[in-house]
Amino acid sequence: MRKIKLPLTIDPIFAANKGLEYMGFCASDQFMRIAESVDSIESDIDVFLLFKIDEKQRAFIKGHAHVDSKLTCQRCCSTFLYHLKTEYYFIPVTSGTYDNLSETYRGLYDYIEMNEAGELNLVSMIEDELILSIPAFPVHEDNDCHLFFPKMGKGIIQEQAKKFHPFSVLSRLKKK
């Protein structure tokens, strides 16, 4: 399957009835909120969308998206390349129908609200999910960060604890 540029909006019910599957990309300049949340976006956003009908005859959307971005390491304040990725499962709903859905759907899927015309804004949906995948405290991998202190490993703390114990004086008194 070749990659295509995704449409901005889609009718998810129609797409699910047809069993449409999209593998494509969205230009990074369409994702303004992500651009504000990261230092830079390094590539177009790769997206996979599958529109299907489940066994209870409900339309659902399954997909994933990923993009390379640059984030600032909160440990050393330098930028590093980070691969944002997300997976999502949605049931498209109309305004005000969240409460009418059974508990079974609430555990399996998230809900996404369609507009008045019964369409979804795909860019907004994908952007929301990618923003949620940005780490709250981005840091390099321990080996890549120049401020990583290997001496502060768990083993050294345990060795120091064995060397001196605050109650060791009491054990000497007990022996006398």
N, C-alpha and C. Protein backbone atom coordinates (compact mmCIF):
# COMPACT_ATOMS: atom_id res chain seq x y z
N MET A 1 0.85 -1.17 0.00
CA MET A 1 0.00 0.00 0.00
C MET A 1 0.90 1.23 0.00
N ARG A 2 0.64 2.16 -0.87
CA ARG A 2 1.46 3.35 -0.93
C ARG A 2 0.91 4.43 -0.01
N LYS A 3 1.80 5.32 0.41
CA LYS A 3 1.40 6.38 1.32
C LYS A 3 0.77 7.52 0.54
N ILE A 4 -0.35 8.02 1.09
CA ILE A 4 -1.04 9.14 0.46
C ILE A 4 -1.20 10.25 1.48
N LYS A 5 -1.47 11.44 1.00
CA LYS A 5 -1.76 12.55 1.90
C LYS A 5 -3.19 12.37 2.40
N LEU A 6 -3.36 12.39 3.73
CA LEU A 6 -4.67 12.14 4.32
C LEU A 6 -5.60 13.32 4.12
N PRO A 7 -6.90 13.05 4.02
CA PRO A 7 -7.86 14.16 3.92
C PRO A 7 -7.95 14.89 5.26
N LEU A 8 -8.39 16.14 5.23
CA LEU A 8 -8.52 16.91 6.47
C LEU A 8 -9.69 16.45 7.31
N THR A 9 -10.81 16.11 6.65
CA THR A 9 -12.00 15.62 7.35
C THR A 9 -12.49 14.36 6.66
N ILE A 10 -13.26 13.57 7.43
CA ILE A 10 -13.81 12.34 6.87
C ILE A 10 -15.11 12.00 7.60
N ASP A 11 -16.01 11.37 6.89
CA ASP A 11 -17.24 10.85 7.49
C ASP A 11 -16.91 9.45 8.03
N PRO A 12 -16.78 9.29 9.35
CA PRO A 12 -16.32 8.00 9.88
C PRO A 12 -17.33 6.87 9.73
N ILE A 13 -18.62 7.19 9.72
CA ILE A 13 -19.64 6.14 9.56
C ILE A 13 -19.58 5.57 8.15
N PHE A 14 -19.52 6.45 7.16
CA PHE A 14 -19.40 6.02 5.76
C PHE A 14 -18.11 5.22 5.57
N ALA A 15 -17.00 5.74 6.13
CA ALA A 15 -15.71 5.07 5.97
C ALA A 15 -15.72 3.69 6.64
N ALA A 16 -16.38 3.57 7.80
CA ALA A 16 -16.46 2.28 8.49
C ALA A 16 -17.31 1.29 7.71
N ASN A 17 -18.41 1.75 7.15
CA ASN A 17 -19.26 0.87 6.33
C ASN A 17 -18.52 0.35 5.11
N LYS A 18 -17.62 1.16 4.57
CA LYS A 18 -16.82 0.75 3.41
C LYS A 18 -15.56 -0.02 3.82
N GLY A 19 -15.23 0.01 5.13
CA GLY A 19 -14.01 -0.66 5.59
C GLY A 19 -12.74 0.01 5.09
N LEU A 20 -12.76 1.34 5.03
CA LEU A 20 -11.61 2.06 4.48
C LEU A 20 -10.40 1.97 5.39
N GLU A 21 -9.26 1.97 4.74
CA GLU A 21 -7.97 1.90 5.44
C GLU A 21 -7.06 2.94 4.79
N TYR A 22 -6.50 3.81 5.61
CA TYR A 22 -5.60 4.85 5.12
C TYR A 22 -4.22 4.65 5.71
N MET A 23 -3.23 4.69 4.85
CA MET A 23 -1.85 4.74 5.29
C MET A 23 -1.25 5.92 4.56
N GLY A 24 -0.87 6.92 5.35
CA GLY A 24 -0.39 8.12 4.68
C GLY A 24 0.35 9.04 5.61
N PHE A 25 0.35 10.30 5.25
CA PHE A 25 1.07 11.28 6.02
C PHE A 25 0.30 12.58 6.04
N CYS A 26 0.62 13.39 7.01
CA CYS A 26 0.11 14.75 7.11
C CYS A 26 1.32 15.67 7.20
N ALA A 27 1.25 16.78 6.52
CA ALA A 27 2.37 17.72 6.56
C ALA A 27 2.51 18.29 7.96
N SER A 28 3.73 18.44 8.41
CA SER A 28 3.97 18.89 9.78
C SER A 28 3.52 20.33 10.00
N ASP A 29 3.44 21.13 8.96
CA ASP A 29 3.01 22.53 9.15
C ASP A 29 1.52 22.66 9.49
N GLN A 30 0.76 21.58 9.40
CA GLN A 30 -0.65 21.59 9.81
C GLN A 30 -0.82 21.41 11.31
N PHE A 31 0.24 21.02 12.01
CA PHE A 31 0.16 20.69 13.42
C PHE A 31 0.79 21.80 14.27
N MET A 32 0.09 22.91 14.38
CA MET A 32 0.60 24.08 15.08
C MET A 32 0.74 23.84 16.59
N ARG A 33 -0.21 23.13 17.20
CA ARG A 33 -0.15 22.93 18.65
C ARG A 33 1.01 22.02 19.04
N ILE A 34 1.33 21.04 18.21
CA ILE A 34 2.49 20.20 18.49
C ILE A 34 3.76 21.04 18.34
N ALA A 35 3.81 21.87 17.30
CA ALA A 35 4.98 22.71 17.08
C ALA A 35 5.24 23.64 18.27
N GLU A 36 4.17 24.08 18.93
CA GLU A 36 4.33 24.92 20.12
C GLU A 36 4.78 24.12 21.33
N SER A 37 4.53 22.82 21.34
CA SER A 37 4.84 21.98 22.50
C SER A 37 6.22 21.35 22.45
N VAL A 38 6.83 21.31 21.30
CA VAL A 38 8.17 20.72 21.15
C VAL A 38 9.11 21.77 20.57
N ASP A 39 10.40 21.47 20.57
CA ASP A 39 11.36 22.42 19.99
C ASP A 39 11.22 22.50 18.48
N SER A 40 11.08 21.35 17.84
CA SER A 40 10.87 21.34 16.39
C SER A 40 10.31 19.98 15.97
N ILE A 41 9.61 19.99 14.85
CA ILE A 41 9.10 18.76 14.24
C ILE A 41 10.03 18.44 13.09
N GLU A 42 10.60 17.25 13.09
CA GLU A 42 11.65 16.89 12.15
C GLU A 42 11.16 16.16 10.90
N SER A 43 9.90 15.73 10.89
CA SER A 43 9.41 14.96 9.75
C SER A 43 7.91 15.15 9.60
N ASP A 44 7.37 14.69 8.49
CA ASP A 44 5.92 14.65 8.35
C ASP A 44 5.38 13.59 9.30
N ILE A 45 4.10 13.70 9.63
CA ILE A 45 3.48 12.78 10.56
C ILE A 45 2.99 11.56 9.77
N ASP A 46 3.50 10.39 10.10
CA ASP A 46 3.05 9.15 9.46
C ASP A 46 1.83 8.64 10.20
N VAL A 47 0.78 8.32 9.44
CA VAL A 47 -0.50 7.97 10.05
C VAL A 47 -1.05 6.70 9.40
N PHE A 48 -1.66 5.86 10.24
CA PHE A 48 -2.42 4.71 9.76
C PHE A 48 -3.80 4.80 10.39
N LEU A 49 -4.85 4.70 9.59
CA LEU A 49 -6.24 4.73 10.06
C LEU A 49 -7.00 3.57 9.46
N LEU A 50 -7.75 2.86 10.31
CA LEU A 50 -8.61 1.78 9.86
C LEU A 50 -10.02 2.06 10.38
N PHE A 51 -10.96 2.13 9.48
CA PHE A 51 -12.37 2.37 9.83
C PHE A 51 -13.11 1.06 9.65
N LYS A 52 -13.72 0.55 10.73
CA LYS A 52 -14.40 -0.73 10.66
C LYS A 52 -15.69 -0.68 11.48
N ILE A 53 -16.49 -1.74 11.32
CA ILE A 53 -17.69 -1.96 12.13
C ILE A 53 -17.38 -3.13 13.06
N ASP A 54 -17.60 -2.95 14.38
CA ASP A 54 -17.30 -4.03 15.31
C ASP A 54 -18.45 -5.03 15.38
N GLU A 55 -18.30 -6.04 16.26
CA GLU A 55 -19.31 -7.11 16.34
C GLU A 55 -20.66 -6.62 16.87
N LYS A 56 -20.68 -5.45 17.52
CA LYS A 56 -21.94 -4.88 18.00
C LYS A 56 -22.49 -3.82 17.05
N GLN A 57 -21.98 -3.84 15.83
CA GLN A 57 -22.43 -2.96 14.75
C GLN A 57 -22.18 -1.47 15.04
N ARG A 58 -21.09 -1.17 15.73
CA ARG A 58 -20.69 0.21 16.00
C ARG A 58 -19.47 0.52 15.14
N ALA A 59 -19.49 1.69 14.52
CA ALA A 59 -18.33 2.14 13.76
C ALA A 59 -17.20 2.47 14.73
N PHE A 60 -15.99 2.09 14.39
CA PHE A 60 -14.84 2.46 15.22
C PHE A 60 -13.65 2.78 14.34
N ILE A 61 -12.72 3.49 14.94
CA ILE A 61 -11.50 3.90 14.25
C ILE A 61 -10.33 3.35 15.05
N LYS A 62 -9.45 2.66 14.36
CA LYS A 62 -8.24 2.14 14.97
C LYS A 62 -7.08 2.74 14.19
N GLY A 63 -6.05 3.15 14.90
CA GLY A 63 -4.93 3.71 14.16
C GLY A 63 -3.72 4.00 15.02
N HIS A 64 -2.70 4.46 14.35
CA HIS A 64 -1.50 4.90 15.03
C HIS A 64 -0.85 6.01 14.22
N ALA A 65 -0.05 6.82 14.91
CA ALA A 65 0.66 7.93 14.26
C ALA A 65 2.02 8.05 14.92
N HIS A 66 2.99 8.51 14.15
CA HIS A 66 4.30 8.76 14.73
C HIS A 66 5.02 9.85 13.95
N VAL A 67 5.91 10.54 14.67
CA VAL A 67 6.67 11.64 14.10
C VAL A 67 7.95 11.82 14.90
N ASP A 68 9.00 12.26 14.23
CA ASP A 68 10.24 12.59 14.92
C ASP A 68 10.21 14.06 15.30
N SER A 69 10.57 14.34 16.54
CA SER A 69 10.58 15.72 17.02
C SER A 69 11.82 15.94 17.87
N LYS A 70 12.12 17.20 18.12
CA LYS A 70 13.22 17.54 19.02
C LYS A 70 12.63 18.10 20.29
N LEU A 71 13.10 17.58 21.43
CA LEU A 71 12.67 18.02 22.75
C LEU A 71 13.88 18.52 23.52
N THR A 72 13.63 19.31 24.55
CA THR A 72 14.70 19.78 25.42
C THR A 72 14.80 18.86 26.63
N CYS A 73 15.99 18.33 26.85
CA CYS A 73 16.24 17.47 28.00
C CYS A 73 16.13 18.31 29.27
N GLN A 74 15.31 17.88 30.19
CA GLN A 74 15.10 18.62 31.43
C GLN A 74 16.24 18.41 32.43
N ARG A 75 17.13 17.49 32.12
CA ARG A 75 18.27 17.23 33.00
C ARG A 75 19.46 18.11 32.61
N CYS A 76 19.75 18.19 31.29
CA CYS A 76 20.95 18.91 30.86
C CYS A 76 20.65 20.12 29.97
N CYS A 77 19.40 20.34 29.63
CA CYS A 77 18.94 21.50 28.83
C CYS A 77 19.44 21.50 27.38
N SER A 78 19.85 20.38 26.85
CA SER A 78 20.19 20.30 25.43
C SER A 78 19.05 19.59 24.70
N THR A 79 18.98 19.77 23.39
CA THR A 79 17.90 19.14 22.61
C THR A 79 18.32 17.73 22.20
N PHE A 80 17.31 16.90 22.01
CA PHE A 80 17.56 15.54 21.55
C PHE A 80 16.38 15.10 20.69
N LEU A 81 16.64 14.15 19.82
CA LEU A 81 15.62 13.61 18.92
C LEU A 81 14.75 12.62 19.68
N TYR A 82 13.44 12.80 19.59
CA TYR A 82 12.49 11.93 20.28
C TYR A 82 11.44 11.48 19.29
N HIS A 83 11.12 10.20 19.30
CA HIS A 83 10.14 9.63 18.39
C HIS A 83 8.78 9.59 19.09
N LEU A 84 7.90 10.54 18.75
CA LEU A 84 6.54 10.54 19.31
C LEU A 84 5.73 9.49 18.59
N LYS A 85 5.02 8.65 19.35
CA LYS A 85 4.16 7.66 18.73
C LYS A 85 2.93 7.45 19.61
N THR A 86 1.83 7.14 18.96
CA THR A 86 0.59 6.93 19.68
C THR A 86 -0.27 5.92 18.95
N GLU A 87 -1.07 5.20 19.71
CA GLU A 87 -2.10 4.31 19.15
C GLU A 87 -3.44 4.76 19.71
N TYR A 88 -4.48 4.59 18.91
CA TYR A 88 -5.79 5.03 19.38
C TYR A 88 -6.89 4.14 18.82
N TYR A 89 -7.96 4.06 19.62
CA TYR A 89 -9.18 3.35 19.27
C TYR A 89 -10.33 4.29 19.63
N PHE A 90 -11.11 4.69 18.64
CA PHE A 90 -12.19 5.64 18.87
C PHE A 90 -13.53 5.11 18.37
N ILE A 91 -14.58 5.56 19.04
CA ILE A 91 -15.94 5.44 18.53
C ILE A 91 -16.40 6.85 18.23
N PRO A 92 -16.79 7.12 16.99
CA PRO A 92 -17.31 8.46 16.70
C PRO A 92 -18.72 8.63 17.27
N VAL A 93 -18.96 9.73 17.95
CA VAL A 93 -20.27 10.01 18.54
C VAL A 93 -20.69 11.41 18.15
N THR A 94 -22.00 11.63 18.23
CA THR A 94 -22.52 12.97 18.00
C THR A 94 -22.61 13.69 19.33
N SER A 95 -22.77 14.97 19.29
CA SER A 95 -22.82 15.78 20.50
C SER A 95 -23.94 15.31 21.43
N GLY A 96 -23.60 15.09 22.71
CA GLY A 96 -24.58 14.73 23.71
C GLY A 96 -24.92 13.27 23.81
N THR A 97 -24.24 12.38 23.09
CA THR A 97 -24.58 10.95 23.15
C THR A 97 -23.60 10.14 23.99
N TYR A 98 -22.69 10.79 24.68
CA TYR A 98 -21.72 10.06 25.51
C TYR A 98 -22.42 9.23 26.58
N ASP A 99 -23.43 9.80 27.24
CA ASP A 99 -24.09 9.14 28.35
C ASP A 99 -24.92 7.94 27.91
N ASN A 100 -25.36 7.90 26.66
CA ASN A 100 -26.21 6.82 26.17
C ASN A 100 -25.42 5.55 25.83
N LEU A 101 -24.11 5.64 25.79
CA LEU A 101 -23.31 4.49 25.42
C LEU A 101 -23.08 3.58 26.61
N SER A 102 -23.07 2.30 26.36
CA SER A 102 -22.95 1.32 27.45
C SER A 102 -21.53 1.31 28.02
N GLU A 103 -21.40 0.72 29.19
CA GLU A 103 -20.10 0.63 29.86
C GLU A 103 -19.11 -0.23 29.07
N THR A 104 -19.61 -1.16 28.26
CA THR A 104 -18.71 -2.01 27.48
C THR A 104 -17.87 -1.19 26.52
N TYR A 105 -18.48 -0.20 25.90
CA TYR A 105 -17.73 0.64 24.97
C TYR A 105 -16.74 1.54 25.70
N ARG A 106 -17.09 1.97 26.89
CA ARG A 106 -16.23 2.89 27.63
C ARG A 106 -14.91 2.24 28.01
N GLY A 107 -14.88 0.95 28.17
CA GLY A 107 -13.63 0.28 28.49
C GLY A 107 -12.77 -0.02 27.28
N LEU A 108 -13.38 -0.20 26.13
CA LEU A 108 -12.63 -0.59 24.93
C LEU A 108 -12.18 0.59 24.09
N TYR A 109 -12.99 1.61 24.00
CA TYR A 109 -12.72 2.71 23.08
C TYR A 109 -12.77 4.06 23.80
N ASP A 110 -12.10 5.03 23.20
CA ASP A 110 -12.29 6.43 23.58
C ASP A 110 -13.34 6.99 22.63
N TYR A 111 -13.90 8.10 23.00
CA TYR A 111 -14.92 8.72 22.15
C TYR A 111 -14.35 9.93 21.46
N ILE A 112 -14.79 10.14 20.25
CA ILE A 112 -14.43 11.34 19.51
C ILE A 112 -15.70 11.92 18.93
N GLU A 113 -15.87 13.21 19.11
CA GLU A 113 -17.11 13.86 18.71
C GLU A 113 -17.04 14.34 17.26
N MET A 114 -18.08 14.01 16.51
CA MET A 114 -18.19 14.47 15.13
C MET A 114 -18.80 15.86 15.12
N ASN A 115 -18.56 16.59 14.04
CA ASN A 115 -19.18 17.92 13.91
C ASN A 115 -20.63 17.78 13.45
N GLU A 116 -21.28 18.90 13.21
CA GLU A 116 -22.71 18.89 12.83
C GLU A 116 -22.96 18.16 11.52
N ALA A 117 -21.97 18.14 10.64
CA ALA A 117 -22.12 17.47 9.35
C ALA A 117 -21.82 15.97 9.45
N GLY A 118 -21.47 15.48 10.63
CA GLY A 118 -21.15 14.06 10.79
C GLY A 118 -19.76 13.70 10.35
N GLU A 119 -18.85 14.67 10.38
CA GLU A 119 -17.47 14.43 9.95
C GLU A 119 -16.51 14.63 11.11
N LEU A 120 -15.34 14.04 10.97
CA LEU A 120 -14.26 14.21 11.94
C LEU A 120 -13.15 15.03 11.31
N ASN A 121 -12.55 15.89 12.13
CA ASN A 121 -11.35 16.60 11.70
C ASN A 121 -10.17 15.70 12.05
N LEU A 122 -9.60 15.05 11.05
CA LEU A 122 -8.52 14.09 11.27
C LEU A 122 -7.25 14.74 11.82
N VAL A 123 -6.93 15.93 11.33
CA VAL A 123 -5.73 16.61 11.80
C VAL A 123 -5.83 16.90 13.29
N SER A 124 -6.98 17.40 13.73
CA SER A 124 -7.18 17.70 15.14
C SER A 124 -7.14 16.43 15.98
N MET A 125 -7.74 15.36 15.51
CA MET A 125 -7.77 14.09 16.23
C MET A 125 -6.35 13.55 16.41
N ILE A 126 -5.58 13.52 15.35
CA ILE A 126 -4.21 13.00 15.40
C ILE A 126 -3.32 13.90 16.25
N GLU A 127 -3.50 15.20 16.11
CA GLU A 127 -2.70 16.15 16.88
C GLU A 127 -2.96 16.00 18.38
N ASP A 128 -4.22 15.85 18.76
CA ASP A 128 -4.55 15.65 20.18
C ASP A 128 -3.84 14.42 20.74
N GLU A 129 -3.86 13.33 20.00
CA GLU A 129 -3.25 12.09 20.48
C GLU A 129 -1.72 12.21 20.56
N LEU A 130 -1.11 12.89 19.60
CA LEU A 130 0.34 13.05 19.65
C LEU A 130 0.76 13.98 20.79
N ILE A 131 -0.03 15.01 21.06
CA ILE A 131 0.27 15.89 22.19
C ILE A 131 0.23 15.11 23.50
N LEU A 132 -0.73 14.20 23.63
CA LEU A 132 -0.81 13.39 24.84
C LEU A 132 0.38 12.45 24.99
N SER A 133 1.08 12.15 23.91
CA SER A 133 2.22 11.24 23.99
C SER A 133 3.54 11.96 24.26
N ILE A 134 3.53 13.29 24.33
CA ILE A 134 4.74 14.04 24.66
C ILE A 134 5.03 13.81 26.14
N PRO A 135 6.24 13.41 26.48
CA PRO A 135 6.54 13.16 27.89
C PRO A 135 6.47 14.45 28.71
N ALA A 136 6.00 14.34 29.94
CA ALA A 136 5.89 15.50 30.82
C ALA A 136 7.28 15.99 31.25
N PHE A 137 8.22 15.08 31.36
CA PHE A 137 9.57 15.40 31.79
C PHE A 137 10.55 14.75 30.83
N PRO A 138 10.76 15.35 29.65
CA PRO A 138 11.63 14.70 28.66
C PRO A 138 13.10 14.74 29.07
N VAL A 139 13.74 13.59 29.00
CA VAL A 139 15.17 13.48 29.28
C VAL A 139 15.80 12.52 28.27
N HIS A 140 17.11 12.71 28.06
CA HIS A 140 17.87 11.77 27.25
C HIS A 140 17.82 10.38 27.88
N GLU A 141 18.24 9.40 27.12
CA GLU A 141 18.54 8.10 27.71
C GLU A 141 19.72 8.32 28.64
N ASP A 142 19.82 7.53 29.70
CA ASP A 142 20.88 7.73 30.68
C ASP A 142 22.27 7.72 30.05
N ASN A 143 22.50 6.87 29.08
CA ASN A 143 23.82 6.78 28.46
C ASN A 143 24.13 7.96 27.54
N ASP A 144 23.10 8.65 27.03
CA ASP A 144 23.30 9.74 26.09
C ASP A 144 23.43 11.11 26.75
N CYS A 145 22.95 11.24 27.96
CA CYS A 145 22.94 12.54 28.65
C CYS A 145 24.30 12.78 29.28
N HIS A 146 24.89 13.95 28.99
CA HIS A 146 26.24 14.21 29.53
C HIS A 146 26.22 14.54 31.02
N LEU A 147 25.05 14.70 31.63
CA LEU A 147 24.96 14.94 33.07
C LEU A 147 24.60 13.68 33.85
N PHE A 148 24.65 12.54 33.20
CA PHE A 148 24.34 11.29 33.89
C PHE A 148 25.50 10.95 34.81
N PHE A 149 25.21 10.63 36.05
CA PHE A 149 26.23 10.31 37.03
C PHE A 149 26.20 8.81 37.31
N PRO A 150 27.09 8.04 36.69
CA PRO A 150 27.06 6.60 36.89
C PRO A 150 27.40 6.20 38.32
N LYS A 151 28.07 7.05 39.10
CA LYS A 151 28.41 6.72 40.48
C LYS A 151 27.18 6.68 41.37
N MET A 152 26.08 7.21 40.90
CA MET A 152 24.89 7.26 41.73
C MET A 152 23.99 6.06 41.51
N GLY A 153 24.57 4.95 41.13
CA GLY A 153 23.79 3.73 40.92
C GLY A 153 23.30 3.14 42.23
N LYS A 154 22.43 2.19 42.14
CA LYS A 154 21.83 1.55 43.32
C LYS A 154 22.86 0.78 44.12
N GLY A 155 23.82 0.15 43.46
CA GLY A 155 24.79 -0.68 44.15
C GLY A 155 25.65 0.09 45.14
N ILE A 156 26.06 1.30 44.81
CA ILE A 156 26.92 2.09 45.68
C ILE A 156 26.18 2.47 46.95
N ILE A 157 24.94 2.82 46.85
CA ILE A 157 24.16 3.19 48.02
C ILE A 157 24.04 1.99 48.95
N GLN A 158 23.80 0.82 48.39
CA GLN A 158 23.68 -0.38 49.22
C GLN A 158 25.01 -0.74 49.87
N GLU A 159 26.13 -0.54 49.16
CA GLU A 159 27.44 -0.82 49.74
C GLU A 159 27.74 0.12 50.89
N GLN A 160 27.39 1.39 50.73
CA GLN A 160 27.64 2.36 51.79
C GLN A 160 26.76 2.05 53.01
N ALA A 161 25.57 1.57 52.78
CA ALA A 161 24.69 1.22 53.88
C ALA A 161 25.25 0.05 54.67
N LYS A 162 25.94 -0.87 54.02
CA LYS A 162 26.54 -2.01 54.71
C LYS A 162 27.76 -1.59 55.53
N LYS A 163 28.49 -0.58 55.04
CA LYS A 163 29.70 -0.15 55.72
C LYS A 163 29.38 0.45 57.09
N PHE A 164 28.41 1.30 57.15
CA PHE A 164 28.10 1.97 58.41
C PHE A 164 26.61 1.87 58.69
N HIS A 165 26.31 1.37 59.80
CA HIS A 165 24.93 1.25 60.23
C HIS A 165 24.77 2.09 61.49
N PRO A 166 23.76 2.95 61.59
CA PRO A 166 23.66 3.84 62.75
C PRO A 166 23.50 3.12 64.08
N PHE A 167 23.03 1.89 64.07
CA PHE A 167 22.84 1.16 65.32
C PHE A 167 23.99 0.19 65.62
N SER A 168 25.06 0.29 64.84
CA SER A 168 26.20 -0.60 65.08
C SER A 168 26.83 -0.36 66.45
N VAL A 169 26.75 0.85 66.96
CA VAL A 169 27.28 1.16 68.30
C VAL A 169 26.52 0.37 69.36
N LEU A 170 25.22 0.25 69.18
CA LEU A 170 24.40 -0.51 70.14
C LEU A 170 24.77 -1.98 70.16
N SER A 171 25.10 -2.53 69.00
CA SER A 171 25.46 -3.95 68.98
C SER A 171 26.76 -4.19 69.73
N ARG A 172 27.69 -3.23 69.69
CA ARG A 172 28.94 -3.36 70.43
C ARG A 172 28.67 -3.29 71.93
N LEU A 173 27.73 -2.43 72.35
CA LEU A 173 27.39 -2.32 73.75
C LEU A 173 26.70 -3.60 74.27
N LYS A 174 25.92 -4.19 73.40
CA LYS A 174 25.20 -5.41 73.77
C LYS A 174 26.17 -6.57 74.01
N LYS A 175 27.24 -6.61 73.23
CA LYS A 175 28.24 -7.67 73.38
C LYS A 175 28.99 -7.55 74.70
N LYS A 176 29.15 -6.38 75.25
CA LYS A 176 29.85 -6.17 76.53
C LYS A 176 29.03 -6.59 77.65
